[in-house]
C-alpha atoms as a PDB file:
ATOM      1  CA  UNK A   1     -23.122  21.406  27.206  1.00  0.00           C
ATOM      2  CA  UNK A   2     -20.429  21.943  24.570  1.00  0.00           C
ATOM      3  CA  UNK A   3     -17.228  23.959  24.404  1.00  0.00           C
ATOM      4  CA  UNK A   4     -17.555  26.445  21.542  1.00  0.00           C
ATOM      5  CA  UNK A   5     -14.641  28.145  19.798  1.00  0.00           C
ATOM      6  CA  UNK A   6     -15.923  31.266  18.067  1.00  0.00           C
ATOM      7  CA  UNK A   7     -14.307  32.872  14.976  1.00  0.00           C
ATOM      8  CA  UNK A   8     -12.253  35.166  17.233  1.00  0.00           C
ATOM      9  CA  UNK A   9     -10.675  32.148  18.957  1.00  0.00           C
ATOM     10  CA  UNK A  10     -12.465  32.593  22.308  1.00  0.00           C
ATOM     11  CA  UNK A  11     -13.710  29.520  24.210  1.00  0.00           C
ATOM     12  CA  UNK A  12     -17.158  29.339  25.823  1.00  0.00           C
ATOM     13  CA  UNK A  13     -18.936  26.444  27.520  1.00  0.00           C
ATOM     14  CA  UNK A  14     -22.630  26.716  26.630  1.00  0.00           C
ATOM     15  CA  UNK A  15     -25.666  24.586  25.851  1.00  0.00           C
ATOM     16  CA  UNK A  16     -25.992  23.273  22.303  1.00  0.00           C
ATOM     17  CA  UNK A  17     -28.963  25.517  21.401  1.00  0.00           C
ATOM     18  CA  UNK A  18     -27.009  28.595  22.549  1.00  0.00           C
ATOM     19  CA  UNK A  19     -24.038  27.442  20.414  1.00  0.00           C
ATOM     20  CA  UNK A  20     -26.327  27.105  17.378  1.00  0.00           C
ATOM     21  CA  UNK A  21     -27.700  30.640  17.992  1.00  0.00           C
ATOM     22  CA  UNK A  22     -24.154  32.032  18.114  1.00  0.00           C
ATOM     23  CA  UNK A  23     -23.290  30.252  14.851  1.00  0.00           C
ATOM     24  CA  UNK A  24     -26.397  31.693  13.156  1.00  0.00           C
ATOM     25  CA  UNK A  25     -25.521  35.163  14.480  1.00  0.00           C
ATOM     26  CA  UNK A  26     -22.124  34.891  12.742  1.00  0.00           C
ATOM     27  CA  UNK A  27     -23.853  33.426   9.643  1.00  0.00           C
ATOM     28  CA  UNK A  28     -21.616  30.356   9.880  1.00  0.00           C
ATOM     29  CA  UNK A  29     -21.915  26.672  10.755  1.00  0.00           C
ATOM     30  CA  UNK A  30     -21.324  24.826  14.028  1.00  0.00           C
ATOM     31  CA  UNK A  31     -18.842  21.991  13.405  1.00  0.00           C
ATOM     32  CA  UNK A  32     -17.978  19.331  15.981  1.00  0.00           C
ATOM     33  CA  UNK A  33     -14.170  19.132  16.183  1.00  0.00           C
ATOM     34  CA  UNK A  34     -13.490  16.800  19.138  1.00  0.00           C
ATOM     35  CA  UNK A  35     -16.510  14.610  19.976  1.00  0.00           C
ATOM     36  CA  UNK A  36     -14.646  12.490  22.544  1.00  0.00           C
ATOM     37  CA  UNK A  37     -13.579  15.475  24.691  1.00  0.00           C
ATOM     38  CA  UNK A  38     -15.469  16.347  27.857  1.00  0.00           C
ATOM     39  CA  UNK A  39     -17.390  18.544  27.042  1.00  0.00           C
ATOM     40  CA  UNK A  40     -17.337  18.022  23.239  1.00  0.00           C
ATOM     41  CA  UNK A  41     -15.569  20.783  21.310  1.00  0.00           C
ATOM     42  CA  UNK A  42     -17.397  22.603  18.507  1.00  0.00           C
ATOM     43  CA  UNK A  43     -16.156  25.399  16.304  1.00  0.00           C
ATOM     44  CA  UNK A  44     -18.042  28.175  14.539  1.00  0.00           C
ATOM     45  CA  UNK A  45     -16.692  28.128  10.963  1.00  0.00           C
ATOM     46  CA  UNK A  46     -17.805  28.203   7.359  1.00  0.00           C
ATOM     47  CA  UNK A  47     -18.309  24.474   6.671  1.00  0.00           C
ATOM     48  CA  UNK A  48     -17.268  24.681   3.003  1.00  0.00           C
ATOM     49  CA  UNK A  49     -14.007  26.371   3.944  1.00  0.00           C
ATOM     50  CA  UNK A  50     -13.486  23.854   6.781  1.00  0.00           C
ATOM     51  CA  UNK A  51     -13.887  20.889   4.383  1.00  0.00           C
ATOM     52  CA  UNK A  52     -11.530  22.517   1.892  1.00  0.00           C
ATOM     53  CA  UNK A  53      -8.847  22.924   4.594  1.00  0.00           C
ATOM     54  CA  UNK A  54      -9.301  19.285   5.694  1.00  0.00           C
ATOM     55  CA  UNK A  55      -8.906  18.044   2.108  1.00  0.00           C
ATOM     56  CA  UNK A  56      -5.834  20.224   1.683  1.00  0.00           C
ATOM     57  CA  UNK A  57      -4.244  18.755   4.843  1.00  0.00           C
ATOM     58  CA  UNK A  58      -5.060  15.217   3.710  1.00  0.00           C
ATOM     59  CA  UNK A  59      -3.538  15.851   0.285  1.00  0.00           C
ATOM     60  CA  UNK A  60      -0.386  17.228   1.892  1.00  0.00           C
ATOM     61  CA  UNK A  61      -0.063  14.160   4.147  1.00  0.00           C
ATOM     62  CA  UNK A  62      -0.508  11.785   1.196  1.00  0.00           C
ATOM     63  CA  UNK A  63       2.155  13.693  -0.717  1.00  0.00           C
ATOM     64  CA  UNK A  64       4.634  13.332   2.159  1.00  0.00           C
ATOM     65  CA  UNK A  65       3.969   9.625   2.698  1.00  0.00           C
ATOM     66  CA  UNK A  66       6.185   7.265   0.738  1.00  0.00           C
ATOM     67  CA  UNK A  67       4.619   4.371  -1.128  1.00  0.00           C
ATOM     68  CA  UNK A  68       6.561   1.138  -1.084  1.00  0.00           C
ATOM     69  CA  UNK A  69       6.418  -0.925  -4.235  1.00  0.00           C
ATOM     70  CA  UNK A  70       7.295  -4.581  -4.668  1.00  0.00           C
ATOM     71  CA  UNK A  71       9.854  -5.062  -7.442  1.00  0.00           C
ATOM     72  CA  UNK A  72      10.527  -8.540  -8.818  1.00  0.00           C
ATOM     73  CA  UNK A  73      13.763 -10.203  -9.892  1.00  0.00           C
ATOM     74  CA  UNK A  74      13.544 -13.578 -11.663  1.00  0.00           C
ATOM     75  CA  UNK A  75      16.163 -16.291 -11.782  1.00  0.00           C
ATOM     76  CA  UNK A  76      16.476 -19.837 -13.128  1.00  0.00           C
ATOM     77  CA  UNK A  77      18.368 -22.588 -11.261  1.00  0.00           C
ATOM     78  CA  UNK A  78      21.292 -22.384 -13.731  1.00  0.00           C
ATOM     79  CA  UNK A  79      21.589 -18.564 -13.854  1.00  0.00           C
ATOM     80  CA  UNK A  80      25.062 -17.496 -15.001  1.00  0.00           C
ATOM     81  CA  UNK A  81      27.282 -15.319 -12.766  1.00  0.00           C
ATOM     82  CA  UNK A  82      27.097 -12.245 -15.020  1.00  0.00           C
ATOM     83  CA  UNK A  83      23.284 -12.399 -15.106  1.00  0.00           C
ATOM     84  CA  UNK A  84      23.242 -12.928 -11.340  1.00  0.00           C
ATOM     85  CA  UNK A  85      25.449  -9.867 -10.744  1.00  0.00           C
ATOM     86  CA  UNK A  86      23.404  -7.760 -13.181  1.00  0.00           C
ATOM     87  CA  UNK A  87      20.122  -8.631 -11.449  1.00  0.00           C
ATOM     88  CA  UNK A  88      21.676  -8.152  -8.019  1.00  0.00           C
ATOM     89  CA  UNK A  89      22.763  -4.616  -9.003  1.00  0.00           C
ATOM     90  CA  UNK A  90      19.186  -3.843 -10.056  1.00  0.00           C
ATOM     91  CA  UNK A  91      17.835  -5.258  -6.800  1.00  0.00           C
ATOM     92  CA  UNK A  92      20.357  -3.144  -4.870  1.00  0.00           C
ATOM     93  CA  UNK A  93      19.101   0.028  -6.571  1.00  0.00           C
ATOM     94  CA  UNK A  94      15.482  -0.977  -5.847  1.00  0.00           C
ATOM     95  CA  UNK A  95      16.289  -1.421  -2.154  1.00  0.00           C
ATOM     96  CA  UNK A  96      18.221   1.863  -2.005  1.00  0.00           C
ATOM     97  CA  UNK A  97      15.163   3.629  -3.450  1.00  0.00           C
ATOM     98  CA  UNK A  98      13.036   2.220  -0.609  1.00  0.00           C
ATOM     99  CA  UNK A  99      11.217  -0.550  -2.510  1.00  0.00           C
ATOM    100  CA  UNK A 100      10.834  -4.177  -1.488  1.00  0.00           C
ATOM    101  CA  UNK A 101      12.334  -6.842  -3.740  1.00  0.00           C
ATOM    102  CA  UNK A 102      10.780 -10.228  -4.445  1.00  0.00           C
ATOM    103  CA  UNK A 103      13.339 -12.623  -5.878  1.00  0.00           C
ATOM    104  CA  UNK A 104      12.168 -15.921  -7.295  1.00  0.00           C
ATOM    105  CA  UNK A 105      13.656 -18.926  -8.987  1.00  0.00           C
ATOM    106  CA  UNK A 106      11.431 -20.480 -11.669  1.00  0.00           C
ATOM    107  CA  UNK A 107      11.686 -24.260 -12.073  1.00  0.00           C
ATOM    108  CA  UNK A 108      10.491 -25.463 -15.496  1.00  0.00           C
ATOM    109  CA  UNK A 109      10.099 -29.068 -16.540  1.00  0.00           C
ATOM    110  CA  UNK A 110      12.825 -31.216 -15.062  1.00  0.00           C
ATOM    111  CA  UNK A 111      14.489 -28.227 -13.361  1.00  0.00           C
ATOM    112  CA  UNK A 112      12.457 -29.097 -10.262  1.00  0.00           C
ATOM    113  CA  UNK A 113      15.142 -31.624  -9.273  1.00  0.00           C
ATOM    114  CA  UNK A 114      17.578 -28.704  -8.754  1.00  0.00           C
ATOM    115  CA  UNK A 115      15.815 -27.196  -5.709  1.00  0.00           C
ATOM    116  CA  UNK A 116      19.108 -27.153  -3.809  1.00  0.00           C
ATOM    117  CA  UNK A 117      20.689 -24.951  -6.519  1.00  0.00           C
ATOM    118  CA  UNK A 118      17.717 -22.595  -6.320  1.00  0.00           C
ATOM    119  CA  UNK A 119      18.063 -22.369  -2.542  1.00  0.00           C
ATOM    120  CA  UNK A 120      21.816 -21.691  -2.855  1.00  0.00           C
ATOM    121  CA  UNK A 121      21.132 -18.995  -5.462  1.00  0.00           C
ATOM    122  CA  UNK A 122      18.625 -17.175  -3.218  1.00  0.00           C
ATOM    123  CA  UNK A 123      20.921 -17.540  -0.215  1.00  0.00           C
ATOM    124  CA  UNK A 124      23.781 -15.970  -2.208  1.00  0.00           C
ATOM    125  CA  UNK A 125      21.400 -13.234  -3.397  1.00  0.00           C
ATOM    126  CA  UNK A 126      20.383 -12.303   0.174  1.00  0.00           C
ATOM    127  CA  UNK A 127      24.021 -12.354   1.336  1.00  0.00           C
ATOM    128  CA  UNK A 128      25.026  -9.982  -1.478  1.00  0.00           C
ATOM    129  CA  UNK A 129      22.302  -7.514  -0.445  1.00  0.00           C
ATOM    130  CA  UNK A 130      22.474  -7.779   3.350  1.00  0.00           C
ATOM    131  CA  UNK A 131      24.146  -4.338   3.604  1.00  0.00           C
ATOM    132  CA  UNK A 132      21.128  -2.536   2.038  1.00  0.00           C
ATOM    133  CA  UNK A 133      18.245  -4.891   2.866  1.00  0.00           C
ATOM    134  CA  UNK A 134      16.960  -7.434   5.320  1.00  0.00           C
ATOM    135  CA  UNK A 135      15.019 -10.652   4.783  1.00  0.00           C
ATOM    136  CA  UNK A 136      11.297 -10.002   5.050  1.00  0.00           C
ATOM    137  CA  UNK A 137      10.301 -13.529   4.020  1.00  0.00           C
ATOM    138  CA  UNK A 138      12.809 -16.412   3.957  1.00  0.00           C
ATOM    139  CA  UNK A 139      13.071 -18.629   0.836  1.00  0.00           C
ATOM    140  CA  UNK A 140      10.151 -21.033   0.394  1.00  0.00           C
ATOM    141  CA  UNK A 141       8.521 -23.049  -2.368  1.00  0.00           C
ATOM    142  CA  UNK A 142       5.281 -21.818  -3.972  1.00  0.00           C
ATOM    143  CA  UNK A 143       4.340 -24.386  -6.579  1.00  0.00           C
ATOM    144  CA  UNK A 144       7.180 -24.440  -9.125  1.00  0.00           C
ATOM    145  CA  UNK A 145       8.730 -21.230  -7.760  1.00  0.00           C
ATOM    146  CA  UNK A 146      11.056 -20.616  -4.839  1.00  0.00           C
ATOM    147  CA  UNK A 147      10.572 -17.066  -3.534  1.00  0.00           C
ATOM    148  CA  UNK A 148      12.081 -14.722  -0.999  1.00  0.00           C
ATOM    149  CA  UNK A 149      11.278 -11.089  -0.175  1.00  0.00           C
ATOM    150  CA  UNK A 150      13.800  -8.461   0.924  1.00  0.00           C
ATOM    151  CA  UNK A 151      12.843  -5.167   2.570  1.00  0.00           C
ATOM    152  CA  UNK A 152      15.035  -2.042   2.627  1.00  0.00           C
ATOM    153  CA  UNK A 153      17.041  -1.332   5.766  1.00  0.00           C
ATOM    154  CA  UNK A 154      15.782   1.622   7.799  1.00  0.00           C
ATOM    155  CA  UNK A 155      18.983   3.660   7.677  1.00  0.00           C
END
């Protein structure tokens, strides 16, 4: 037994072979819409048109969904205040546009002994941006890089 919705919108509960006969009589296809319902729901439609409508709905949903990108901002342990402010402004605009920001401090050569300066730099960076973003991943070392990730606030 299946529930059949015919092209006129009427509902009938019939056996599957009767539903197939009705679909053939309308010169259309029998498409299962809700297989988990009790009884399963089928619809008499033109299958090509049905697939086209489904693709159209999917395209519309993808268009409405927002993709979040990960933007990167790079520092060195001895980054000057002007450079820091410049990069922080860029990160602020990234967060306001709804993107995540990955900030990292690159330690080259003997810079690795200045890990505390790198940590202070990232801490200052997150404090500057706490009004538009929140910490998604706290600062941590990854090889010769110290990274942190900020996500936009949901306001």
